[in-house]
Amino acid sequence: GINAEYMGKIGLNDEPPVRIEGDDIADSPRNVVMIANNVAVSRVFSQRLVAKFDLMYSQRAFVHWYVGEGMEEGEFSEAREDLGFLEKDYLDVLSEGSGDEEAEDEEF
């Protein structure tokens, strides 16, 4: 079932996803993205968002569009840095989680 208490964001897009050879995403006429406040989302950051951001930015893909709309190039570096901090925060929570469970067991 779906947990009604999750904190997250869901987005639906009518554009089909771009198919990348070797990727595990099936063909679909639409995109849907959901990011929830859960430590399991750390994999999404490390394997999807960060890796794809790095790949696209290294090739300067779409940068000219954002700069043309008034964004400064330095904001891309700031965004990448923020993604890194967010990824680290989730990894820290994951590593602290096992210690918290042990502490709870000791209390009872």
N, C-alpha and C. Protein backbone atom coordinates (compact mmCIF):
# COMPACT_ATOMS: atom_id res chain seq x y z
N GLY A 1 0.82 -1.20 0.00
CA GLY A 1 0.00 0.00 0.00
C GLY A 1 0.85 1.24 0.00
N ILE A 2 0.19 2.35 -0.15
CA ILE A 2 0.86 3.65 -0.17
C ILE A 2 0.73 4.29 1.19
N ASN A 3 1.82 4.76 1.73
CA ASN A 3 1.82 5.45 3.00
C ASN A 3 1.32 6.88 2.79
N ALA A 4 0.21 7.23 3.38
CA ALA A 4 -0.38 8.56 3.18
C ALA A 4 0.39 9.65 3.91
N GLU A 5 1.32 9.27 4.78
CA GLU A 5 2.04 10.26 5.54
C GLU A 5 3.39 10.63 4.95
N TYR A 6 3.69 10.18 3.73
CA TYR A 6 4.99 10.47 3.16
C TYR A 6 5.09 11.96 2.83
N MET A 7 6.30 12.46 2.88
CA MET A 7 6.57 13.84 2.48
C MET A 7 7.32 13.75 1.17
N GLY A 8 6.75 14.26 0.12
CA GLY A 8 7.43 14.13 -1.16
C GLY A 8 6.79 14.95 -2.24
N LYS A 9 7.24 14.71 -3.45
CA LYS A 9 6.79 15.44 -4.62
C LYS A 9 6.61 14.45 -5.75
N ILE A 10 5.51 14.58 -6.49
CA ILE A 10 5.24 13.72 -7.63
C ILE A 10 5.05 14.61 -8.85
N GLY A 11 5.67 14.24 -9.95
CA GLY A 11 5.53 14.99 -11.18
C GLY A 11 5.20 14.07 -12.34
N LEU A 12 4.26 14.47 -13.19
CA LEU A 12 3.87 13.71 -14.36
C LEU A 12 4.14 14.55 -15.59
N ASN A 13 4.74 13.94 -16.59
CA ASN A 13 5.14 14.65 -17.80
C ASN A 13 4.65 13.84 -19.00
N ASP A 14 4.00 14.51 -19.96
CA ASP A 14 3.48 13.83 -21.15
C ASP A 14 4.55 13.50 -22.18
N GLU A 15 5.77 13.96 -21.97
CA GLU A 15 6.86 13.65 -22.89
C GLU A 15 7.42 12.27 -22.58
N PRO A 16 7.63 11.44 -23.60
CA PRO A 16 8.20 10.13 -23.33
C PRO A 16 9.65 10.25 -22.86
N PRO A 17 10.10 9.35 -21.99
CA PRO A 17 11.49 9.40 -21.53
C PRO A 17 12.44 9.06 -22.67
N VAL A 18 13.63 9.63 -22.60
CA VAL A 18 14.66 9.32 -23.59
C VAL A 18 15.21 7.95 -23.25
N ARG A 19 15.30 7.12 -24.23
CA ARG A 19 15.79 5.75 -24.04
C ARG A 19 17.30 5.73 -24.18
N ILE A 20 18.00 5.26 -23.18
CA ILE A 20 19.45 5.16 -23.18
C ILE A 20 19.82 3.68 -23.21
N GLU A 21 20.69 3.32 -24.13
CA GLU A 21 21.08 1.92 -24.26
C GLU A 21 21.68 1.41 -22.95
N GLY A 22 21.19 0.25 -22.52
CA GLY A 22 21.70 -0.35 -21.29
C GLY A 22 20.98 0.11 -20.04
N ASP A 23 20.08 1.09 -20.16
CA ASP A 23 19.34 1.57 -19.00
C ASP A 23 18.21 0.59 -18.69
N ASP A 24 17.79 0.53 -17.44
CA ASP A 24 16.78 -0.44 -17.04
C ASP A 24 15.36 0.13 -17.07
N ILE A 25 15.17 1.29 -17.68
CA ILE A 25 13.84 1.90 -17.76
C ILE A 25 13.13 1.40 -19.01
N ALA A 26 11.89 0.95 -18.86
CA ALA A 26 11.10 0.44 -19.98
C ALA A 26 10.55 1.60 -20.80
N ASP A 27 10.21 1.33 -22.08
CA ASP A 27 9.57 2.34 -22.92
C ASP A 27 8.21 2.70 -22.34
N SER A 28 7.88 3.98 -22.41
CA SER A 28 6.62 4.46 -21.87
C SER A 28 6.23 5.75 -22.58
N PRO A 29 4.94 6.00 -22.76
CA PRO A 29 4.53 7.25 -23.42
C PRO A 29 4.62 8.46 -22.49
N ARG A 30 4.81 8.26 -21.19
CA ARG A 30 4.85 9.36 -20.23
C ARG A 30 5.98 9.14 -19.21
N ASN A 31 6.31 10.22 -18.52
CA ASN A 31 7.26 10.17 -17.41
C ASN A 31 6.51 10.41 -16.11
N VAL A 32 6.91 9.78 -15.06
CA VAL A 32 6.44 10.13 -13.74
C VAL A 32 7.65 10.07 -12.81
N VAL A 33 7.74 11.04 -11.94
CA VAL A 33 8.85 11.09 -10.99
C VAL A 33 8.27 11.31 -9.61
N MET A 34 8.76 10.55 -8.65
CA MET A 34 8.35 10.73 -7.27
C MET A 34 9.59 10.68 -6.40
N ILE A 35 9.78 11.71 -5.64
CA ILE A 35 10.87 11.73 -4.67
C ILE A 35 10.22 11.94 -3.31
N ALA A 36 10.42 11.02 -2.41
CA ALA A 36 9.81 11.08 -1.09
C ALA A 36 10.90 11.26 -0.04
N ASN A 37 10.52 11.75 1.09
CA ASN A 37 11.46 11.94 2.19
C ASN A 37 11.69 10.60 2.87
N ASN A 38 12.65 9.87 2.34
CA ASN A 38 12.95 8.53 2.83
C ASN A 38 14.43 8.31 2.56
N VAL A 39 15.13 7.65 3.46
CA VAL A 39 16.56 7.44 3.25
C VAL A 39 16.86 6.58 2.03
N ALA A 40 15.89 5.80 1.58
CA ALA A 40 16.10 4.98 0.38
C ALA A 40 16.28 5.83 -0.86
N VAL A 41 15.90 7.10 -0.79
CA VAL A 41 16.01 7.99 -1.94
C VAL A 41 17.48 8.35 -2.22
N SER A 42 18.39 8.05 -1.30
CA SER A 42 19.80 8.37 -1.51
C SER A 42 20.34 7.72 -2.78
N ARG A 43 19.83 6.53 -3.12
CA ARG A 43 20.24 5.86 -4.35
C ARG A 43 19.82 6.66 -5.58
N VAL A 44 18.65 7.28 -5.50
CA VAL A 44 18.17 8.12 -6.60
C VAL A 44 19.15 9.26 -6.83
N PHE A 45 19.63 9.86 -5.75
CA PHE A 45 20.57 10.97 -5.89
C PHE A 45 21.90 10.51 -6.47
N SER A 46 22.45 9.45 -5.91
CA SER A 46 23.79 9.04 -6.33
C SER A 46 23.82 8.41 -7.71
N GLN A 47 22.85 7.58 -8.03
CA GLN A 47 22.91 6.83 -9.29
C GLN A 47 22.17 7.52 -10.43
N ARG A 48 21.23 8.37 -10.13
CA ARG A 48 20.44 8.97 -11.20
C ARG A 48 20.72 10.46 -11.36
N LEU A 49 20.30 11.24 -10.37
CA LEU A 49 20.38 12.69 -10.52
C LEU A 49 21.80 13.21 -10.64
N VAL A 50 22.65 12.82 -9.70
CA VAL A 50 24.02 13.33 -9.69
C VAL A 50 24.78 12.87 -10.93
N ALA A 51 24.69 11.58 -11.25
CA ALA A 51 25.42 11.05 -12.40
C ALA A 51 24.94 11.68 -13.70
N LYS A 52 23.63 11.83 -13.85
CA LYS A 52 23.10 12.42 -15.08
C LYS A 52 23.38 13.92 -15.16
N PHE A 53 23.32 14.61 -14.02
CA PHE A 53 23.67 16.03 -14.00
C PHE A 53 25.12 16.20 -14.43
N ASP A 54 26.01 15.40 -13.85
CA ASP A 54 27.43 15.49 -14.20
C ASP A 54 27.68 15.21 -15.68
N LEU A 55 27.01 14.18 -16.20
CA LEU A 55 27.17 13.83 -17.61
C LEU A 55 26.68 14.96 -18.52
N MET A 56 25.49 15.46 -18.24
CA MET A 56 24.94 16.52 -19.09
C MET A 56 25.74 17.81 -18.98
N TYR A 57 26.14 18.17 -17.76
CA TYR A 57 26.89 19.41 -17.59
C TYR A 57 28.28 19.31 -18.22
N SER A 58 28.89 18.12 -18.14
CA SER A 58 30.22 17.96 -18.74
C SER A 58 30.16 18.15 -20.26
N GLN A 59 29.01 17.85 -20.84
CA GLN A 59 28.83 18.04 -22.29
C GLN A 59 28.18 19.38 -22.61
N ARG A 60 27.92 20.16 -21.55
CA ARG A 60 27.32 21.50 -21.69
C ARG A 60 25.91 21.43 -22.29
N ALA A 61 25.24 20.30 -22.11
CA ALA A 61 23.90 20.11 -22.67
C ALA A 61 22.91 21.05 -22.00
N PHE A 62 22.18 21.78 -22.79
CA PHE A 62 21.10 22.68 -22.36
C PHE A 62 21.57 23.91 -21.59
N VAL A 63 22.86 24.05 -21.34
CA VAL A 63 23.35 25.20 -20.56
C VAL A 63 22.97 26.51 -21.25
N HIS A 64 23.11 26.55 -22.57
CA HIS A 64 22.81 27.79 -23.29
C HIS A 64 21.35 28.22 -23.11
N TRP A 65 20.43 27.28 -22.97
CA TRP A 65 19.03 27.63 -22.75
C TRP A 65 18.84 28.31 -21.41
N TYR A 66 19.45 27.76 -20.37
CA TYR A 66 19.30 28.34 -19.04
C TYR A 66 19.98 29.70 -18.96
N VAL A 67 21.15 29.81 -19.54
CA VAL A 67 21.86 31.09 -19.54
C VAL A 67 21.05 32.12 -20.34
N GLY A 68 20.45 31.69 -21.44
CA GLY A 68 19.60 32.58 -22.23
C GLY A 68 18.38 33.07 -21.49
N GLU A 69 17.93 32.31 -20.49
CA GLU A 69 16.77 32.70 -19.69
C GLU A 69 17.17 33.51 -18.46
N GLY A 70 18.47 33.81 -18.32
CA GLY A 70 18.90 34.67 -17.23
C GLY A 70 19.65 33.99 -16.11
N MET A 71 19.84 32.70 -16.19
CA MET A 71 20.59 31.98 -15.16
C MET A 71 22.07 32.21 -15.39
N GLU A 72 22.83 32.31 -14.32
CA GLU A 72 24.28 32.47 -14.44
C GLU A 72 24.95 31.10 -14.38
N GLU A 73 26.06 30.95 -15.10
CA GLU A 73 26.73 29.65 -15.15
C GLU A 73 27.18 29.18 -13.78
N GLY A 74 27.51 30.09 -12.89
CA GLY A 74 27.93 29.72 -11.53
C GLY A 74 26.85 29.00 -10.75
N GLU A 75 25.59 29.21 -11.15
CA GLU A 75 24.49 28.55 -10.46
C GLU A 75 24.48 27.04 -10.70
N PHE A 76 25.07 26.60 -11.83
CA PHE A 76 25.17 25.17 -12.09
C PHE A 76 26.12 24.52 -11.08
N SER A 77 27.23 25.17 -10.80
CA SER A 77 28.17 24.65 -9.81
C SER A 77 27.54 24.62 -8.43
N GLU A 78 26.79 25.67 -8.11
CA GLU A 78 26.10 25.71 -6.81
C GLU A 78 25.07 24.59 -6.71
N ALA A 79 24.34 24.36 -7.79
CA ALA A 79 23.32 23.30 -7.79
C ALA A 79 23.98 21.93 -7.60
N ARG A 80 25.13 21.71 -8.26
CA ARG A 80 25.84 20.43 -8.12
C ARG A 80 26.35 20.27 -6.70
N GLU A 81 26.84 21.34 -6.13
CA GLU A 81 27.32 21.30 -4.75
C GLU A 81 26.17 20.98 -3.80
N ASP A 82 25.02 21.60 -4.02
CA ASP A 82 23.84 21.34 -3.18
C ASP A 82 23.40 19.88 -3.30
N LEU A 83 23.45 19.32 -4.52
CA LEU A 83 23.12 17.90 -4.69
C LEU A 83 24.09 17.03 -3.89
N GLY A 84 25.36 17.38 -3.90
CA GLY A 84 26.36 16.63 -3.14
C GLY A 84 26.08 16.67 -1.64
N PHE A 85 25.71 17.87 -1.14
CA PHE A 85 25.38 17.99 0.29
C PHE A 85 24.15 17.17 0.63
N LEU A 86 23.14 17.20 -0.23
CA LEU A 86 21.93 16.45 0.01
C LEU A 86 22.21 14.95 0.01
N GLU A 87 23.01 14.49 -0.95
CA GLU A 87 23.39 13.09 -1.00
C GLU A 87 24.13 12.68 0.26
N LYS A 88 25.06 13.53 0.72
CA LYS A 88 25.81 13.24 1.94
C LYS A 88 24.89 13.20 3.16
N ASP A 89 23.92 14.11 3.23
CA ASP A 89 22.98 14.11 4.35
C ASP A 89 22.22 12.79 4.43
N TYR A 90 21.74 12.30 3.29
CA TYR A 90 21.03 11.02 3.30
C TYR A 90 21.94 9.87 3.68
N LEU A 91 23.18 9.89 3.22
CA LEU A 91 24.12 8.83 3.59
C LEU A 91 24.43 8.87 5.09
N ASP A 92 24.53 10.09 5.64
CA ASP A 92 24.75 10.23 7.08
C ASP A 92 23.58 9.66 7.87
N VAL A 93 22.36 9.93 7.41
CA VAL A 93 21.18 9.40 8.09
C VAL A 93 21.18 7.88 8.02
N LEU A 94 21.55 7.33 6.88
CA LEU A 94 21.61 5.87 6.74
C LEU A 94 22.62 5.27 7.72
N SER A 95 23.80 5.89 7.82
CA SER A 95 24.83 5.34 8.70
C SER A 95 24.47 5.52 10.17
N GLU A 96 23.74 6.59 10.50
CA GLU A 96 23.32 6.81 11.88
C GLU A 96 22.14 5.91 12.24
N GLY A 97 21.36 5.49 11.25
CA GLY A 97 20.16 4.68 11.49
C GLY A 97 20.46 3.38 12.20
N SER A 98 21.52 2.69 11.81
CA SER A 98 21.82 1.41 12.44
C SER A 98 22.23 1.61 13.90
N GLY A 99 22.93 2.70 14.20
CA GLY A 99 23.30 2.99 15.58
C GLY A 99 22.10 3.34 16.42
N ASP A 100 21.11 4.03 15.85
CA ASP A 100 19.91 4.39 16.59
C ASP A 100 19.11 3.16 16.98
N GLU A 101 19.03 2.18 16.07
CA GLU A 101 18.29 0.97 16.37
C GLU A 101 18.92 0.21 17.53
N GLU A 102 20.25 0.17 17.57
CA GLU A 102 20.94 -0.51 18.65
C GLU A 102 20.68 0.21 19.98
N ALA A 103 20.70 1.55 19.94
CA ALA A 103 20.47 2.32 21.16
C ALA A 103 19.05 2.09 21.68
N GLU A 104 18.07 1.98 20.78
CA GLU A 104 16.69 1.73 21.19
C GLU A 104 16.57 0.35 21.82
N ASP A 105 17.26 -0.65 21.27
CA ASP A 105 17.22 -1.99 21.82
C ASP A 105 17.79 -2.04 23.24
N GLU A 106 18.82 -1.24 23.47
CA GLU A 106 19.46 -1.24 24.78
C GLU A 106 18.56 -0.61 25.83
N GLU A 107 17.71 0.35 25.43
CA GLU A 107 16.84 1.04 26.38
C GLU A 107 15.77 0.11 26.91
N PHE A 108 15.32 -0.86 26.10
CA PHE A 108 14.21 -1.70 26.50
C PHE A 108 14.74 -2.92 27.11
